[in-house]
Structure formats: C-alpha cells, structure tokens
C-alpha atoms as a PDB file:
ATOM      1  CA  UNK A   1      12.820   7.768  -3.715  1.00  0.00           C
ATOM      2  CA  UNK A   2      10.068   7.940  -6.333  1.00  0.00           C
ATOM      3  CA  UNK A   3      12.541   8.632  -9.130  1.00  0.00           C
ATOM      4  CA  UNK A   4      14.807   5.837  -7.962  1.00  0.00           C
ATOM      5  CA  UNK A   5      11.871   3.446  -7.860  1.00  0.00           C
ATOM      6  CA  UNK A   6      10.957   4.352 -11.413  1.00  0.00           C
ATOM      7  CA  UNK A   7      14.539   3.817 -12.574  1.00  0.00           C
ATOM      8  CA  UNK A   8      14.668   0.449 -10.858  1.00  0.00           C
ATOM      9  CA  UNK A   9      11.363  -0.531 -12.435  1.00  0.00           C
ATOM     10  CA  UNK A  10      12.639   0.391 -15.884  1.00  0.00           C
ATOM     11  CA  UNK A  11      15.796  -1.636 -15.328  1.00  0.00           C
ATOM     12  CA  UNK A  12      13.757  -4.591 -14.187  1.00  0.00           C
ATOM     13  CA  UNK A  13      11.477  -4.395 -17.194  1.00  0.00           C
ATOM     14  CA  UNK A  14      14.464  -4.456 -19.529  1.00  0.00           C
ATOM     15  CA  UNK A  15      16.825  -6.855 -17.803  1.00  0.00           C
ATOM     16  CA  UNK A  16      14.675  -8.873 -15.447  1.00  0.00           C
ATOM     17  CA  UNK A  17      15.654 -12.476 -14.925  1.00  0.00           C
ATOM     18  CA  UNK A  18      14.000 -14.770 -12.388  1.00  0.00           C
ATOM     19  CA  UNK A  19      17.216 -14.874 -10.381  1.00  0.00           C
ATOM     20  CA  UNK A  20      17.392 -11.080 -10.198  1.00  0.00           C
ATOM     21  CA  UNK A  21      13.793 -10.953  -9.094  1.00  0.00           C
ATOM     22  CA  UNK A  22      14.400 -13.576  -6.453  1.00  0.00           C
ATOM     23  CA  UNK A  23      17.458 -11.735  -5.135  1.00  0.00           C
ATOM     24  CA  UNK A  24      15.414  -8.561  -4.916  1.00  0.00           C
ATOM     25  CA  UNK A  25      12.690 -10.462  -3.092  1.00  0.00           C
ATOM     26  CA  UNK A  26      15.293 -11.787  -0.675  1.00  0.00           C
ATOM     27  CA  UNK A  27      16.427  -8.243   0.069  1.00  0.00           C
ATOM     28  CA  UNK A  28      12.854  -7.105   0.644  1.00  0.00           C
ATOM     29  CA  UNK A  29      12.164 -10.129   2.815  1.00  0.00           C
ATOM     30  CA  UNK A  30      15.230  -9.556   4.979  1.00  0.00           C
ATOM     31  CA  UNK A  31      14.091  -5.975   5.566  1.00  0.00           C
ATOM     32  CA  UNK A  32      10.524  -6.978   6.338  1.00  0.00           C
ATOM     33  CA  UNK A  33      11.599  -9.888   8.528  1.00  0.00           C
ATOM     34  CA  UNK A  34      13.243  -7.516  10.983  1.00  0.00           C
ATOM     35  CA  UNK A  35       9.831  -5.886  11.436  1.00  0.00           C
ATOM     36  CA  UNK A  36       7.504  -8.869  11.354  1.00  0.00           C
ATOM     37  CA  UNK A  37       7.258 -11.698  13.869  1.00  0.00           C
ATOM     38  CA  UNK A  38       8.719 -14.954  12.615  1.00  0.00           C
ATOM     39  CA  UNK A  39       5.560 -16.899  11.570  1.00  0.00           C
ATOM     40  CA  UNK A  40       4.429 -13.998   9.388  1.00  0.00           C
ATOM     41  CA  UNK A  41       7.899 -13.887   7.880  1.00  0.00           C
ATOM     42  CA  UNK A  42       7.719 -17.549   6.934  1.00  0.00           C
ATOM     43  CA  UNK A  43       4.365 -17.007   5.275  1.00  0.00           C
ATOM     44  CA  UNK A  44       5.696 -13.946   3.460  1.00  0.00           C
ATOM     45  CA  UNK A  45       8.716 -15.869   2.237  1.00  0.00           C
ATOM     46  CA  UNK A  46       6.478 -18.469   0.607  1.00  0.00           C
ATOM     47  CA  UNK A  47       4.252 -15.783  -0.870  1.00  0.00           C
ATOM     48  CA  UNK A  48       7.187 -13.867  -2.343  1.00  0.00           C
ATOM     49  CA  UNK A  49       8.705 -17.033  -3.756  1.00  0.00           C
ATOM     50  CA  UNK A  50       5.458 -17.992  -5.466  1.00  0.00           C
ATOM     51  CA  UNK A  51       5.099 -14.468  -6.808  1.00  0.00           C
ATOM     52  CA  UNK A  52       8.621 -14.521  -8.244  1.00  0.00           C
ATOM     53  CA  UNK A  53       7.909 -17.851  -9.946  1.00  0.00           C
ATOM     54  CA  UNK A  54       4.703 -16.445 -11.426  1.00  0.00           C
ATOM     55  CA  UNK A  55       6.620 -13.427 -12.713  1.00  0.00           C
ATOM     56  CA  UNK A  56       9.277 -15.671 -14.238  1.00  0.00           C
ATOM     57  CA  UNK A  57       6.613 -17.713 -16.004  1.00  0.00           C
ATOM     58  CA  UNK A  58       4.875 -14.590 -17.255  1.00  0.00           C
ATOM     59  CA  UNK A  59       8.183 -13.275 -18.571  1.00  0.00           C
ATOM     60  CA  UNK A  60       9.040 -16.453 -20.469  1.00  0.00           C
ATOM     61  CA  UNK A  61       5.543 -16.644 -21.950  1.00  0.00           C
ATOM     62  CA  UNK A  62       5.786 -13.082 -23.222  1.00  0.00           C
ATOM     63  CA  UNK A  63       9.127 -13.527 -25.014  1.00  0.00           C
END
C-alpha cells in the first residue's frame, strides 16, 4: 500500500486538477461515511470540500 500511495501522490502532483481532487475526496468520503455516523459525515464533507478548494487555489497560484 505504501508504494501505491507514493505512486498516487506523484501522479497527483503532476496531473492534479481540482476536479480530480474533488473526485478523490468523494471516494474517501464515501468510504468514511460508511464508518461514521451521519452528522460527522456531513461535517467531514464540508471540511473536505473546503480543503479541495484550498488545494485548487494553491495550485493555481503556484503555476
């Protein structure tokens, strides 16, 4: 898993677009939501969305 994570990170660093990041967040959220109770899931969804927007902004500033 560690190697796969590193590969995924490298891919993200090279080809990351906000939409890709958001889709990845959605996948993570759907996994976590099956574990967490619903109110926590809602809070997490907002948190992830804000984080993805921050990442998108950081990306566009850097280029």
